N, C-alpha and C. Protein backbone atom coordinates (compact mmCIF):
# COMPACT_ATOMS: atom_id res chain seq x y z
N MET A 1 -15.90 -4.57 35.29
CA MET A 1 -15.03 -5.54 34.63
C MET A 1 -15.64 -6.02 33.32
N ASP A 2 -16.92 -6.30 33.33
CA ASP A 2 -17.59 -6.76 32.11
C ASP A 2 -17.50 -5.72 31.00
N ALA A 3 -17.58 -4.47 31.35
CA ALA A 3 -17.51 -3.40 30.36
C ALA A 3 -16.12 -3.37 29.71
N VAL A 4 -15.09 -3.58 30.50
CA VAL A 4 -13.73 -3.60 29.97
C VAL A 4 -13.56 -4.78 29.01
N LEU A 5 -14.06 -5.93 29.41
CA LEU A 5 -13.96 -7.13 28.56
C LEU A 5 -14.72 -6.94 27.25
N ARG A 6 -15.91 -6.37 27.34
CA ARG A 6 -16.70 -6.13 26.12
C ARG A 6 -16.00 -5.14 25.20
N ARG A 7 -15.39 -4.13 25.77
CA ARG A 7 -14.66 -3.16 24.95
C ARG A 7 -13.46 -3.81 24.28
N ALA A 8 -12.74 -4.64 25.01
CA ALA A 8 -11.59 -5.36 24.42
C ALA A 8 -12.06 -6.28 23.29
N GLU A 9 -13.16 -6.97 23.49
CA GLU A 9 -13.69 -7.84 22.45
C GLU A 9 -14.06 -7.05 21.20
N ARG A 10 -14.68 -5.88 21.39
CA ARG A 10 -15.05 -5.02 20.24
C ARG A 10 -13.80 -4.53 19.51
N MET A 11 -12.77 -4.18 20.26
CA MET A 11 -11.54 -3.70 19.63
C MET A 11 -10.88 -4.80 18.81
N ILE A 12 -10.86 -6.02 19.34
CA ILE A 12 -10.29 -7.15 18.60
C ILE A 12 -11.13 -7.45 17.37
N ALA A 13 -12.44 -7.41 17.51
CA ALA A 13 -13.32 -7.65 16.36
C ALA A 13 -13.06 -6.60 15.27
N TYR A 14 -12.90 -5.36 15.67
CA TYR A 14 -12.61 -4.28 14.71
C TYR A 14 -11.28 -4.54 14.00
N GLN A 15 -10.25 -4.94 14.75
CA GLN A 15 -8.95 -5.23 14.14
C GLN A 15 -9.05 -6.40 13.16
N ASN A 16 -9.86 -7.40 13.51
CA ASN A 16 -10.05 -8.53 12.59
C ASN A 16 -10.74 -8.09 11.31
N ILE A 17 -11.73 -7.23 11.42
CA ILE A 17 -12.42 -6.72 10.22
C ILE A 17 -11.45 -5.92 9.36
N GLN A 18 -10.64 -5.09 9.98
CA GLN A 18 -9.66 -4.30 9.24
C GLN A 18 -8.64 -5.21 8.54
N PHE A 19 -8.25 -6.29 9.21
CA PHE A 19 -7.32 -7.25 8.61
C PHE A 19 -7.95 -7.88 7.37
N ILE A 20 -9.19 -8.31 7.48
CA ILE A 20 -9.88 -8.93 6.34
C ILE A 20 -9.95 -7.97 5.17
N LEU A 21 -10.32 -6.73 5.43
CA LEU A 21 -10.42 -5.76 4.35
C LEU A 21 -9.06 -5.49 3.70
N ALA A 22 -8.02 -5.44 4.51
CA ALA A 22 -6.69 -5.15 3.99
C ALA A 22 -6.07 -6.34 3.25
N HIS A 23 -6.48 -7.56 3.61
CA HIS A 23 -5.81 -8.74 3.07
C HIS A 23 -6.73 -9.65 2.25
N GLN A 24 -7.90 -9.17 1.87
CA GLN A 24 -8.85 -10.01 1.16
C GLN A 24 -8.34 -10.49 -0.20
N ASN A 25 -7.41 -9.79 -0.78
CA ASN A 25 -6.87 -10.19 -2.08
C ASN A 25 -5.48 -10.81 -1.99
N ASP A 26 -5.00 -11.04 -0.76
CA ASP A 26 -3.68 -11.66 -0.58
C ASP A 26 -3.68 -13.09 -1.08
N THR A 27 -2.53 -13.52 -1.56
CA THR A 27 -2.36 -14.92 -1.94
C THR A 27 -2.15 -15.75 -0.68
N LEU A 28 -2.24 -17.05 -0.82
CA LEU A 28 -1.96 -17.93 0.32
C LEU A 28 -0.51 -17.79 0.76
N GLU A 29 0.37 -17.53 -0.19
CA GLU A 29 1.78 -17.32 0.15
C GLU A 29 1.96 -16.07 1.01
N GLN A 30 1.24 -15.02 0.70
CA GLN A 30 1.32 -13.79 1.49
C GLN A 30 0.76 -14.01 2.89
N LEU A 31 -0.33 -14.74 2.98
CA LEU A 31 -0.88 -15.04 4.30
C LEU A 31 0.05 -15.94 5.10
N THR A 32 0.73 -16.85 4.42
CA THR A 32 1.72 -17.70 5.08
C THR A 32 2.87 -16.85 5.61
N ALA A 33 3.30 -15.86 4.84
CA ALA A 33 4.37 -14.96 5.29
C ALA A 33 3.93 -14.18 6.53
N TYR A 34 2.67 -13.76 6.56
CA TYR A 34 2.13 -13.06 7.73
C TYR A 34 2.15 -13.98 8.95
N LEU A 35 1.72 -15.23 8.75
CA LEU A 35 1.72 -16.20 9.84
C LEU A 35 3.15 -16.45 10.32
N SER A 36 4.08 -16.48 9.41
CA SER A 36 5.49 -16.64 9.77
C SER A 36 5.97 -15.47 10.63
N ALA A 37 5.60 -14.26 10.25
CA ALA A 37 5.98 -13.09 11.03
C ALA A 37 5.36 -13.13 12.43
N CYS A 38 4.12 -13.58 12.51
CA CYS A 38 3.47 -13.72 13.82
C CYS A 38 4.20 -14.75 14.68
N THR A 39 4.61 -15.84 14.06
CA THR A 39 5.34 -16.88 14.78
C THR A 39 6.67 -16.35 15.30
N ASP A 40 7.38 -15.61 14.46
CA ASP A 40 8.66 -15.02 14.88
C ASP A 40 8.47 -14.04 16.04
N LYS A 41 7.41 -13.26 15.97
CA LYS A 41 7.14 -12.26 17.01
C LYS A 41 6.78 -12.93 18.34
N LEU A 42 5.97 -13.98 18.28
CA LEU A 42 5.52 -14.64 19.50
C LEU A 42 6.55 -15.63 20.05
N GLY A 43 7.37 -16.16 19.16
CA GLY A 43 8.35 -17.15 19.59
C GLY A 43 7.81 -18.57 19.60
N HIS A 44 6.60 -18.75 19.10
CA HIS A 44 6.00 -20.08 18.97
C HIS A 44 4.91 -20.01 17.90
N VAL A 45 4.51 -21.18 17.42
CA VAL A 45 3.42 -21.22 16.44
C VAL A 45 2.15 -20.80 17.16
N PRO A 46 1.51 -19.75 16.68
CA PRO A 46 0.35 -19.23 17.39
C PRO A 46 -0.91 -20.07 17.18
N ALA A 47 -1.75 -20.02 18.18
CA ALA A 47 -3.11 -20.55 18.03
C ALA A 47 -3.90 -19.51 17.24
N LYS A 48 -4.98 -19.94 16.65
CA LYS A 48 -5.80 -19.03 15.84
C LYS A 48 -6.21 -17.79 16.62
N CYS A 49 -6.50 -17.94 17.90
CA CYS A 49 -6.96 -16.81 18.71
C CYS A 49 -5.84 -15.82 19.06
N GLU A 50 -4.59 -16.18 18.80
CA GLU A 50 -3.46 -15.30 19.10
C GLU A 50 -3.09 -14.40 17.93
N VAL A 51 -3.76 -14.56 16.80
CA VAL A 51 -3.40 -13.84 15.59
C VAL A 51 -4.57 -12.98 15.13
N ILE A 52 -4.31 -11.70 14.89
CA ILE A 52 -5.34 -10.87 14.27
C ILE A 52 -5.56 -11.44 12.87
N GLY A 53 -6.79 -11.72 12.54
CA GLY A 53 -7.11 -12.31 11.25
C GLY A 53 -7.10 -13.83 11.27
N GLY A 54 -6.99 -14.43 12.45
CA GLY A 54 -6.92 -15.88 12.55
C GLY A 54 -8.11 -16.60 11.92
N ASP A 55 -9.31 -16.08 12.15
CA ASP A 55 -10.51 -16.70 11.56
C ASP A 55 -10.46 -16.63 10.03
N TYR A 56 -10.02 -15.49 9.52
CA TYR A 56 -9.94 -15.32 8.07
C TYR A 56 -8.87 -16.24 7.47
N ILE A 57 -7.73 -16.35 8.13
CA ILE A 57 -6.68 -17.25 7.66
C ILE A 57 -7.18 -18.68 7.66
N GLU A 58 -7.88 -19.06 8.73
CA GLU A 58 -8.46 -20.41 8.79
C GLU A 58 -9.42 -20.63 7.61
N TYR A 59 -10.25 -19.64 7.33
CA TYR A 59 -11.20 -19.72 6.21
C TYR A 59 -10.47 -19.89 4.87
N ARG A 60 -9.44 -19.09 4.65
CA ARG A 60 -8.72 -19.14 3.37
C ARG A 60 -7.99 -20.46 3.16
N PHE A 61 -7.49 -21.06 4.22
CA PHE A 61 -6.75 -22.33 4.11
C PHE A 61 -7.65 -23.54 4.35
N ASP A 62 -8.92 -23.32 4.60
CA ASP A 62 -9.91 -24.36 4.89
C ASP A 62 -9.78 -24.93 6.30
N SER A 63 -8.70 -24.64 7.00
CA SER A 63 -8.55 -25.01 8.41
C SER A 63 -7.29 -24.36 8.96
N TRP A 64 -7.24 -24.23 10.27
CA TRP A 64 -6.04 -23.67 10.90
C TRP A 64 -4.87 -24.63 10.73
N VAL A 65 -5.16 -25.92 10.79
CA VAL A 65 -4.11 -26.93 10.61
C VAL A 65 -3.46 -26.78 9.23
N ASN A 66 -4.26 -26.57 8.20
CA ASN A 66 -3.71 -26.38 6.85
C ASN A 66 -2.84 -25.11 6.78
N ALA A 67 -3.26 -24.06 7.47
CA ALA A 67 -2.47 -22.82 7.48
C ALA A 67 -1.11 -23.07 8.14
N VAL A 68 -1.13 -23.77 9.26
CA VAL A 68 0.13 -24.06 9.96
C VAL A 68 1.00 -24.99 9.13
N ARG A 69 0.38 -25.97 8.48
CA ARG A 69 1.14 -26.87 7.60
C ARG A 69 1.80 -26.08 6.47
N SER A 70 1.08 -25.14 5.90
CA SER A 70 1.63 -24.32 4.82
C SER A 70 2.83 -23.54 5.33
N PHE A 71 2.71 -23.01 6.53
CA PHE A 71 3.81 -22.28 7.14
C PHE A 71 5.03 -23.18 7.30
N PHE A 72 4.82 -24.39 7.85
CA PHE A 72 5.95 -25.29 8.05
C PHE A 72 6.49 -25.81 6.72
N SER A 73 5.66 -26.00 5.73
CA SER A 73 6.14 -26.42 4.41
C SER A 73 7.07 -25.36 3.84
N GLY A 74 6.71 -24.11 4.00
CA GLY A 74 7.55 -23.01 3.52
C GLY A 74 8.87 -22.95 4.26
N ARG A 75 8.84 -23.17 5.55
CA ARG A 75 10.07 -23.16 6.34
C ARG A 75 10.97 -24.33 5.93
N MET A 76 10.37 -25.50 5.70
CA MET A 76 11.16 -26.66 5.32
C MET A 76 11.78 -26.45 3.94
N ALA A 77 11.00 -25.90 3.00
CA ALA A 77 11.53 -25.65 1.65
C ALA A 77 12.66 -24.63 1.71
N SER A 78 12.49 -23.61 2.55
CA SER A 78 13.51 -22.59 2.70
C SER A 78 14.79 -23.19 3.29
N ALA A 79 14.64 -24.05 4.27
CA ALA A 79 15.81 -24.70 4.88
C ALA A 79 16.52 -25.59 3.88
N LYS A 80 15.77 -26.32 3.07
CA LYS A 80 16.36 -27.19 2.06
C LYS A 80 17.13 -26.36 1.03
N THR A 81 16.58 -25.21 0.66
CA THR A 81 17.25 -24.35 -0.31
C THR A 81 18.57 -23.84 0.26
N ARG A 82 18.58 -23.46 1.53
CA ARG A 82 19.81 -22.96 2.15
C ARG A 82 20.85 -24.06 2.29
N LEU A 83 20.41 -25.30 2.46
CA LEU A 83 21.35 -26.40 2.66
C LEU A 83 21.83 -27.04 1.35
N ARG A 84 21.20 -26.69 0.25
CA ARG A 84 21.56 -27.28 -1.04
C ARG A 84 22.98 -26.88 -1.43
N LEU A 85 23.76 -27.84 -1.82
CA LEU A 85 25.14 -27.58 -2.27
C LEU A 85 25.13 -27.03 -3.68
N PRO A 86 26.09 -26.21 -4.03
CA PRO A 86 26.17 -25.73 -5.42
C PRO A 86 26.32 -26.91 -6.37
N SER A 87 25.83 -26.75 -7.59
CA SER A 87 25.90 -27.85 -8.55
C SER A 87 27.35 -28.22 -8.83
N GLY A 88 27.59 -29.50 -9.04
CA GLY A 88 28.92 -29.98 -9.31
C GLY A 88 29.64 -30.45 -8.06
N ARG A 89 29.07 -30.17 -6.89
CA ARG A 89 29.67 -30.63 -5.63
C ARG A 89 28.79 -31.69 -5.02
N SER A 90 29.41 -32.57 -4.29
CA SER A 90 28.63 -33.57 -3.57
C SER A 90 29.19 -33.80 -2.19
C-alpha cells in the first residue's frame, strides 16, 4: 500500500512540475481562467490540493484566498456585464 501511495504522490508531483513549466509565463487572468475551468469541472470551488498547479497558483497570487477572490471577482464582473442594460434604457 505504501508503494502505491508513494507512486501516486510522485505522479502528482510530476504533473505539478509540468504545470509550472507550461504556465510559468501565464498572466494572472489566464491562471484565473484555469481556476474557473477547474471549478466548473469539480462543481465547487476547489481547495489548493484539488488542483494541479495549486501551489504555483497560490505562489503567483500570494495566497490561495487571493486566487479564489480573483476568480470570484471575474465571475462577478462577468455577471454584471451580462446584466447591464443597453445604453439609453433604464
